[in-house]
């Protein structure tokens, strides 16, 4: 299934109806509430990039995107979509085929991951965050952090929070998949509530959904770096 521009030029390739629904939610419904003016010529982080819908949306507005997608099939399709993107848009996206969160993750189905203690799936790489995004955050800050990684959201946010990087994001938006607890929560005492408490001094926070089912969250910096540039 290929999404085409009015000219007939292919701009996005979907493998199935689920892929199409993701692209429609991101591009037509703007479920992550991306503000084009906020990201232009700035850096965006996409954790759980899937087949590239959000990364390419941000890139279409002039953002430079660092995207993390550990699933090999998703990453392959995303590379295909980056190559299809018109106007060199795909060159604004750097794809990192690794996971953010727990030290060792395993693939569990098409889009979700479990810790290595699970016997299901295959092991995937963990991202070297210091090497990939550390210098960017120090020198440029982060316009937008999107987190939607099918159950690893709290692990990913916890890791970024431990490094002191959440407070550097002007916007944080994503989806969590209930129940909102992780192994990291249990071992390190890093609960979703603790992450929310960590964000509240620096961000306005809106949460929609149910803790046992999941939902969307949006955080807005009280002192956006973009406002000073």
C-alpha atoms as a PDB file:
ATOM      1  CA  UNK A   1       0.000   0.000   0.000  1.00  0.00           C
ATOM      2  CA  UNK A   2       1.629   3.243  -1.156  1.00  0.00           C
ATOM      3  CA  UNK A   3       0.596   6.774  -0.186  1.00  0.00           C
ATOM      4  CA  UNK A   4       1.153   9.157  -3.093  1.00  0.00           C
ATOM      5  CA  UNK A   5       1.288  12.901  -3.592  1.00  0.00           C
ATOM      6  CA  UNK A   6      -1.298  14.518  -5.918  1.00  0.00           C
ATOM      7  CA  UNK A   7       1.354  14.334  -8.646  1.00  0.00           C
ATOM      8  CA  UNK A   8       1.420  10.553  -8.231  1.00  0.00           C
ATOM      9  CA  UNK A   9       4.860  10.553  -6.639  1.00  0.00           C
ATOM     10  CA  UNK A  10       5.174   7.892  -3.892  1.00  0.00           C
ATOM     11  CA  UNK A  11       5.792   9.447  -0.481  1.00  0.00           C
ATOM     12  CA  UNK A  12       5.080   6.623   1.962  1.00  0.00           C
ATOM     13  CA  UNK A  13       4.884   2.859   1.752  1.00  0.00           C
ATOM     14  CA  UNK A  14       2.765   0.845   4.210  1.00  0.00           C
ATOM     15  CA  UNK A  15       2.979  -2.917   4.631  1.00  0.00           C
ATOM     16  CA  UNK A  16      -0.546  -3.384   5.977  1.00  0.00           C
ATOM     17  CA  UNK A  17      -3.608  -1.609   7.384  1.00  0.00           C
ATOM     18  CA  UNK A  18      -1.921  -1.122  10.758  1.00  0.00           C
ATOM     19  CA  UNK A  19       0.925   0.825   9.149  1.00  0.00           C
ATOM     20  CA  UNK A  20      -1.605   2.962   7.274  1.00  0.00           C
ATOM     21  CA  UNK A  21      -3.486   3.711  10.499  1.00  0.00           C
ATOM     22  CA  UNK A  22      -0.265   4.846  12.177  1.00  0.00           C
ATOM     23  CA  UNK A  23       0.579   7.170   9.276  1.00  0.00           C
ATOM     24  CA  UNK A  24      -2.980   8.567   9.282  1.00  0.00           C
ATOM     25  CA  UNK A  25      -2.901   9.192  13.046  1.00  0.00           C
ATOM     26  CA  UNK A  26       0.440  10.990  12.827  1.00  0.00           C
ATOM     27  CA  UNK A  27      -0.034  13.001   9.624  1.00  0.00           C
ATOM     28  CA  UNK A  28      -3.799  13.612   9.454  1.00  0.00           C
ATOM     29  CA  UNK A  29      -4.735  13.663  13.153  1.00  0.00           C
ATOM     30  CA  UNK A  30      -1.411  14.957  14.543  1.00  0.00           C
ATOM     31  CA  UNK A  31      -1.844  12.838  17.673  1.00  0.00           C
ATOM     32  CA  UNK A  32       1.501  14.027  19.084  1.00  0.00           C
ATOM     33  CA  UNK A  33       0.495  17.712  18.678  1.00  0.00           C
ATOM     34  CA  UNK A  34       3.596  18.662  16.700  1.00  0.00           C
ATOM     35  CA  UNK A  35       3.959  22.420  16.153  1.00  0.00           C
ATOM     36  CA  UNK A  36       5.810  23.012  12.847  1.00  0.00           C
ATOM     37  CA  UNK A  37       7.243  26.375  13.918  1.00  0.00           C
ATOM     38  CA  UNK A  38       8.683  24.893  17.096  1.00  0.00           C
ATOM     39  CA  UNK A  39      10.812  22.261  15.369  1.00  0.00           C
ATOM     40  CA  UNK A  40      12.090  24.102  12.291  1.00  0.00           C
ATOM     41  CA  UNK A  41      15.919  23.916  12.118  1.00  0.00           C
ATOM     42  CA  UNK A  42      16.018  22.243  15.543  1.00  0.00           C
ATOM     43  CA  UNK A  43      16.539  18.704  16.824  1.00  0.00           C
ATOM     44  CA  UNK A  44      13.778  16.167  17.427  1.00  0.00           C
ATOM     45  CA  UNK A  45      14.126  12.769  19.122  1.00  0.00           C
ATOM     46  CA  UNK A  46      11.803   9.952  18.015  1.00  0.00           C
ATOM     47  CA  UNK A  47      11.878   6.928  20.356  1.00  0.00           C
ATOM     48  CA  UNK A  48       9.890   4.105  18.812  1.00  0.00           C
ATOM     49  CA  UNK A  49      10.081   5.359  15.227  1.00  0.00           C
ATOM     50  CA  UNK A  50       8.205   2.370  13.721  1.00  0.00           C
ATOM     51  CA  UNK A  51       8.206   2.920   9.919  1.00  0.00           C
ATOM     52  CA  UNK A  52       9.079   6.619  10.101  1.00  0.00           C
ATOM     53  CA  UNK A  53       5.724   8.424  10.158  1.00  0.00           C
ATOM     54  CA  UNK A  54       6.543  10.917  12.912  1.00  0.00           C
ATOM     55  CA  UNK A  55      10.189  11.297  11.900  1.00  0.00           C
ATOM     56  CA  UNK A  56       9.209  12.271   8.375  1.00  0.00           C
ATOM     57  CA  UNK A  57       6.451  14.581   9.608  1.00  0.00           C
ATOM     58  CA  UNK A  58       8.990  16.459  11.728  1.00  0.00           C
ATOM     59  CA  UNK A  59      11.511  16.446   8.870  1.00  0.00           C
ATOM     60  CA  UNK A  60       8.880  17.850   6.503  1.00  0.00           C
ATOM     61  CA  UNK A  61       8.762  20.909   8.779  1.00  0.00           C
ATOM     62  CA  UNK A  62      12.532  21.363   8.687  1.00  0.00           C
ATOM     63  CA  UNK A  63      13.544  19.456  11.816  1.00  0.00           C
ATOM     64  CA  UNK A  64      16.689  17.361  12.187  1.00  0.00           C
ATOM     65  CA  UNK A  65      15.538  14.019  13.600  1.00  0.00           C
ATOM     66  CA  UNK A  66      17.338  11.286  15.535  1.00  0.00           C
ATOM     67  CA  UNK A  67      15.095   8.200  15.370  1.00  0.00           C
ATOM     68  CA  UNK A  68      15.391   4.973  17.380  1.00  0.00           C
ATOM     69  CA  UNK A  69      13.774   1.778  16.086  1.00  0.00           C
ATOM     70  CA  UNK A  70      15.160  -1.610  17.214  1.00  0.00           C
ATOM     71  CA  UNK A  71      12.765  -3.865  15.310  1.00  0.00           C
ATOM     72  CA  UNK A  72      14.601  -5.065  12.168  1.00  0.00           C
ATOM     73  CA  UNK A  73      11.469  -5.276   9.987  1.00  0.00           C
ATOM     74  CA  UNK A  74      10.241  -1.850  11.024  1.00  0.00           C
ATOM     75  CA  UNK A  75      13.691  -0.350  10.505  1.00  0.00           C
ATOM     76  CA  UNK A  76      13.933  -1.854   7.034  1.00  0.00           C
ATOM     77  CA  UNK A  77      10.574  -0.349   6.053  1.00  0.00           C
ATOM     78  CA  UNK A  78      11.576   2.974   7.582  1.00  0.00           C
ATOM     79  CA  UNK A  79      14.745   3.063   5.487  1.00  0.00           C
ATOM     80  CA  UNK A  80      12.557   2.446   2.458  1.00  0.00           C
ATOM     81  CA  UNK A  81      10.279   5.333   3.409  1.00  0.00           C
ATOM     82  CA  UNK A  82      13.234   7.652   4.024  1.00  0.00           C
ATOM     83  CA  UNK A  83      14.438   6.890   0.510  1.00  0.00           C
ATOM     84  CA  UNK A  84      10.962   7.582  -0.939  1.00  0.00           C
ATOM     85  CA  UNK A  85      10.511  10.911   0.821  1.00  0.00           C
ATOM     86  CA  UNK A  86      10.475  13.779  -1.706  1.00  0.00           C
ATOM     87  CA  UNK A  87      12.764  16.775  -1.706  1.00  0.00           C
ATOM     88  CA  UNK A  88      15.585  15.107   0.197  1.00  0.00           C
ATOM     89  CA  UNK A  89      13.413  15.094   3.327  1.00  0.00           C
ATOM     90  CA  UNK A  90      14.709  11.688   4.371  1.00  0.00           C
ATOM     91  CA  UNK A  91      18.245  13.058   4.670  1.00  0.00           C
ATOM     92  CA  UNK A  92      17.125  15.054   7.699  1.00  0.00           C
ATOM     93  CA  UNK A  93      16.505  11.795   9.600  1.00  0.00           C
ATOM     94  CA  UNK A  94      19.217   9.700  11.254  1.00  0.00           C
ATOM     95  CA  UNK A  95      17.950   6.181  11.996  1.00  0.00           C
ATOM     96  CA  UNK A  96      19.525   4.334  14.930  1.00  0.00           C
ATOM     97  CA  UNK A  97      18.573   0.653  14.965  1.00  0.00           C
ATOM     98  CA  UNK A  98      18.651   0.244  18.735  1.00  0.00           C
ATOM     99  CA  UNK A  99      16.357   0.482  21.756  1.00  0.00           C
ATOM    100  CA  UNK A 100      16.227   3.090  24.512  1.00  0.00           C
ATOM    101  CA  UNK A 101      15.500   1.838  28.019  1.00  0.00           C
ATOM    102  CA  UNK A 102      16.438  -1.441  29.698  1.00  0.00           C
ATOM    103  CA  UNK A 103      19.985  -2.751  29.344  1.00  0.00           C
ATOM    104  CA  UNK A 104      18.907  -5.792  27.351  1.00  0.00           C
ATOM    105  CA  UNK A 105      15.655  -6.020  25.437  1.00  0.00           C
ATOM    106  CA  UNK A 106      14.099  -8.728  23.355  1.00  0.00           C
ATOM    107  CA  UNK A 107      11.831  -8.403  20.378  1.00  0.00           C
ATOM    108  CA  UNK A 108       8.338  -9.640  21.155  1.00  0.00           C
ATOM    109  CA  UNK A 109       6.174  -9.434  18.071  1.00  0.00           C
ATOM    110  CA  UNK A 110       6.134  -6.717  15.464  1.00  0.00           C
ATOM    111  CA  UNK A 111       6.312  -3.604  17.611  1.00  0.00           C
ATOM    112  CA  UNK A 112       6.834  -4.437  21.282  1.00  0.00           C
ATOM    113  CA  UNK A 113       9.761  -5.473  23.414  1.00  0.00           C
ATOM    114  CA  UNK A 114      10.298  -7.276  26.691  1.00  0.00           C
ATOM    115  CA  UNK A 115      13.316  -7.549  28.991  1.00  0.00           C
ATOM    116  CA  UNK A 116      15.918 -10.206  28.268  1.00  0.00           C
ATOM    117  CA  UNK A 117      14.604 -12.387  31.086  1.00  0.00           C
ATOM    118  CA  UNK A 118      11.718 -13.257  28.781  1.00  0.00           C
ATOM    119  CA  UNK A 119      12.267 -16.324  26.639  1.00  0.00           C
ATOM    120  CA  UNK A 120      10.271 -14.870  23.779  1.00  0.00           C
ATOM    121  CA  UNK A 121      11.703 -13.019  20.822  1.00  0.00           C
ATOM    122  CA  UNK A 122      15.248 -12.124  19.836  1.00  0.00           C
ATOM    123  CA  UNK A 123      17.656  -9.811  21.587  1.00  0.00           C
ATOM    124  CA  UNK A 124      18.020  -6.287  20.201  1.00  0.00           C
ATOM    125  CA  UNK A 125      20.694  -3.656  20.690  1.00  0.00           C
ATOM    126  CA  UNK A 126      20.575  -0.919  23.312  1.00  0.00           C
ATOM    127  CA  UNK A 127      21.374   2.590  22.116  1.00  0.00           C
ATOM    128  CA  UNK A 128      24.520   4.450  23.168  1.00  0.00           C
ATOM    129  CA  UNK A 129      22.680   7.600  24.176  1.00  0.00           C
ATOM    130  CA  UNK A 130      25.761   9.518  25.293  1.00  0.00           C
ATOM    131  CA  UNK A 131      27.422   8.981  21.940  1.00  0.00           C
ATOM    132  CA  UNK A 132      24.330   9.624  19.827  1.00  0.00           C
ATOM    133  CA  UNK A 133      22.505  12.510  21.441  1.00  0.00           C
ATOM    134  CA  UNK A 134      24.639  13.761  24.349  1.00  0.00           C
ATOM    135  CA  UNK A 135      26.513  16.401  22.302  1.00  0.00           C
ATOM    136  CA  UNK A 136      23.290  17.516  20.594  1.00  0.00           C
ATOM    137  CA  UNK A 137      21.523  18.204  23.880  1.00  0.00           C
ATOM    138  CA  UNK A 138      24.505  20.067  25.296  1.00  0.00           C
ATOM    139  CA  UNK A 139      24.950  22.286  22.245  1.00  0.00           C
ATOM    140  CA  UNK A 140      21.442  22.665  20.852  1.00  0.00           C
ATOM    141  CA  UNK A 141      18.802  21.421  23.276  1.00  0.00           C
ATOM    142  CA  UNK A 142      15.805  19.427  22.114  1.00  0.00           C
ATOM    143  CA  UNK A 143      12.730  20.906  20.472  1.00  0.00           C
ATOM    144  CA  UNK A 144      10.583  17.776  20.715  1.00  0.00           C
ATOM    145  CA  UNK A 145      10.838  14.350  22.329  1.00  0.00           C
ATOM    146  CA  UNK A 146       8.351  11.779  21.054  1.00  0.00           C
ATOM    147  CA  UNK A 147       8.153   8.482  22.990  1.00  0.00           C
ATOM    148  CA  UNK A 148       5.932   5.641  21.790  1.00  0.00           C
ATOM    149  CA  UNK A 149       7.659   2.274  22.028  1.00  0.00           C
ATOM    150  CA  UNK A 150       4.872  -0.184  22.790  1.00  0.00           C
ATOM    151  CA  UNK A 151       5.400  -0.739  26.498  1.00  0.00           C
ATOM    152  CA  UNK A 152       8.955   0.557  27.029  1.00  0.00           C
ATOM    153  CA  UNK A 153       7.908   4.205  27.473  1.00  0.00           C
ATOM    154  CA  UNK A 154       8.529   4.410  31.203  1.00  0.00           C
ATOM    155  CA  UNK A 155      11.915   2.681  30.901  1.00  0.00           C
ATOM    156  CA  UNK A 156      12.942   5.111  28.164  1.00  0.00           C
ATOM    157  CA  UNK A 157      11.747   8.154  30.101  1.00  0.00           C
ATOM    158  CA  UNK A 158      13.450   6.874  33.248  1.00  0.00           C
ATOM    159  CA  UNK A 159      16.788   6.539  31.455  1.00  0.00           C
ATOM    160  CA  UNK A 160      16.529  10.022  29.959  1.00  0.00           C
ATOM    161  CA  UNK A 161      15.459  11.383  33.338  1.00  0.00           C
ATOM    162  CA  UNK A 162      18.393   9.778  35.134  1.00  0.00           C
ATOM    163  CA  UNK A 163      20.746  11.551  32.723  1.00  0.00           C
ATOM    164  CA  UNK A 164      19.056  14.889  33.363  1.00  0.00           C
ATOM    165  CA  UNK A 165      17.921  15.163  29.747  1.00  0.00           C
ATOM    166  CA  UNK A 166      14.138  15.323  30.123  1.00  0.00           C
ATOM    167  CA  UNK A 167      14.305  18.878  31.444  1.00  0.00           C
ATOM    168  CA  UNK A 168      16.113  19.951  28.244  1.00  0.00           C
ATOM    169  CA  UNK A 169      13.161  19.050  26.008  1.00  0.00           C
ATOM    170  CA  UNK A 170      10.831  21.914  25.091  1.00  0.00           C
ATOM    171  CA  UNK A 171       8.081  19.395  24.323  1.00  0.00           C
ATOM    172  CA  UNK A 172       7.570  15.759  25.304  1.00  0.00           C
ATOM    173  CA  UNK A 173       4.718  13.772  23.809  1.00  0.00           C
ATOM    174  CA  UNK A 174       3.834  10.126  23.474  1.00  0.00           C
ATOM    175  CA  UNK A 175       1.665   7.171  24.280  1.00  0.00           C
ATOM    176  CA  UNK A 176       1.956   4.814  27.207  1.00  0.00           C
ATOM    177  CA  UNK A 177       0.643   1.280  27.203  1.00  0.00           C
ATOM    178  CA  UNK A 178      -0.845   0.092  30.502  1.00  0.00           C
ATOM    179  CA  UNK A 179      -0.303  -1.098  33.061  1.00  0.00           C
ATOM    180  CA  UNK A 180       2.125   1.770  33.674  1.00  0.00           C
ATOM    181  CA  UNK A 181       4.734  -0.235  35.564  1.00  0.00           C
ATOM    182  CA  UNK A 182       8.071  -1.673  34.496  1.00  0.00           C
ATOM    183  CA  UNK A 183      10.769  -3.873  35.936  1.00  0.00           C
ATOM    184  CA  UNK A 184      12.864  -0.746  36.368  1.00  0.00           C
ATOM    185  CA  UNK A 185      10.048   0.695  38.499  1.00  0.00           C
ATOM    186  CA  UNK A 186      10.130  -2.303  40.813  1.00  0.00           C
ATOM    187  CA  UNK A 187      13.919  -2.561  41.154  1.00  0.00           C
ATOM    188  CA  UNK A 188      14.911   1.117  41.228  1.00  0.00           C
ATOM    189  CA  UNK A 189      11.795   2.699  42.693  1.00  0.00           C
ATOM    190  CA  UNK A 190      11.368   4.745  39.489  1.00  0.00           C
ATOM    191  CA  UNK A 191       7.592   4.753  39.168  1.00  0.00           C
ATOM    192  CA  UNK A 192       5.525   6.656  36.630  1.00  0.00           C
ATOM    193  CA  UNK A 193       4.483   8.905  39.487  1.00  0.00           C
ATOM    194  CA  UNK A 194       8.135   9.656  40.233  1.00  0.00           C
ATOM    195  CA  UNK A 195       8.746  10.530  36.597  1.00  0.00           C
ATOM    196  CA  UNK A 196       5.744  12.837  36.617  1.00  0.00           C
ATOM    197  CA  UNK A 197       7.027  14.489  39.802  1.00  0.00           C
ATOM    198  CA  UNK A 198      10.389  14.980  38.120  1.00  0.00           C
ATOM    199  CA  UNK A 199       8.777  16.752  35.172  1.00  0.00           C
ATOM    200  CA  UNK A 200       6.372  18.976  37.078  1.00  0.00           C
ATOM    201  CA  UNK A 201       8.980  21.549  38.247  1.00  0.00           C
ATOM    202  CA  UNK A 202       9.999  22.230  34.629  1.00  0.00           C
ATOM    203  CA  UNK A 203       6.984  21.327  32.456  1.00  0.00           C
ATOM    204  CA  UNK A 204       3.241  21.730  32.276  1.00  0.00           C
ATOM    205  CA  UNK A 205       1.894  18.192  31.977  1.00  0.00           C
ATOM    206  CA  UNK A 206      -1.315  16.787  30.474  1.00  0.00           C
ATOM    207  CA  UNK A 207      -2.177  13.088  30.726  1.00  0.00           C
ATOM    208  CA  UNK A 208      -5.112  11.376  29.022  1.00  0.00           C
ATOM    209  CA  UNK A 209      -6.237   7.785  29.528  1.00  0.00           C
ATOM    210  CA  UNK A 210      -6.350   5.142  32.250  1.00  0.00           C
ATOM    211  CA  UNK A 211      -3.358   3.771  34.196  1.00  0.00           C
ATOM    212  CA  UNK A 212      -4.484   0.183  33.582  1.00  0.00           C
ATOM    213  CA  UNK A 213      -5.081   0.685  29.852  1.00  0.00           C
ATOM    214  CA  UNK A 214      -2.732   3.417  28.650  1.00  0.00           C
ATOM    215  CA  UNK A 215      -3.193   6.764  27.001  1.00  0.00           C
ATOM    216  CA  UNK A 216      -1.409   9.881  25.733  1.00  0.00           C
ATOM    217  CA  UNK A 217       0.796  12.358  27.582  1.00  0.00           C
ATOM    218  CA  UNK A 218       2.037  15.843  26.618  1.00  0.00           C
ATOM    219  CA  UNK A 219       4.541  18.001  28.504  1.00  0.00           C
ATOM    220  CA  UNK A 220       5.417  21.631  27.733  1.00  0.00           C
ATOM    221  CA  UNK A 221       8.585  23.247  29.093  1.00  0.00           C
ATOM    222  CA  UNK A 222       8.066  26.256  31.357  1.00  0.00           C
ATOM    223  CA  UNK A 223      11.272  27.743  29.941  1.00  0.00           C
ATOM    224  CA  UNK A 224      11.609  26.551  26.341  1.00  0.00           C
ATOM    225  CA  UNK A 225      15.042  26.888  24.877  1.00  0.00           C
ATOM    226  CA  UNK A 226      13.519  27.594  21.490  1.00  0.00           C
ATOM    227  CA  UNK A 227      12.099  30.826  22.835  1.00  0.00           C
ATOM    228  CA  UNK A 228      15.623  32.142  23.397  1.00  0.00           C
ATOM    229  CA  UNK A 229      16.968  31.356  19.928  1.00  0.00           C
END
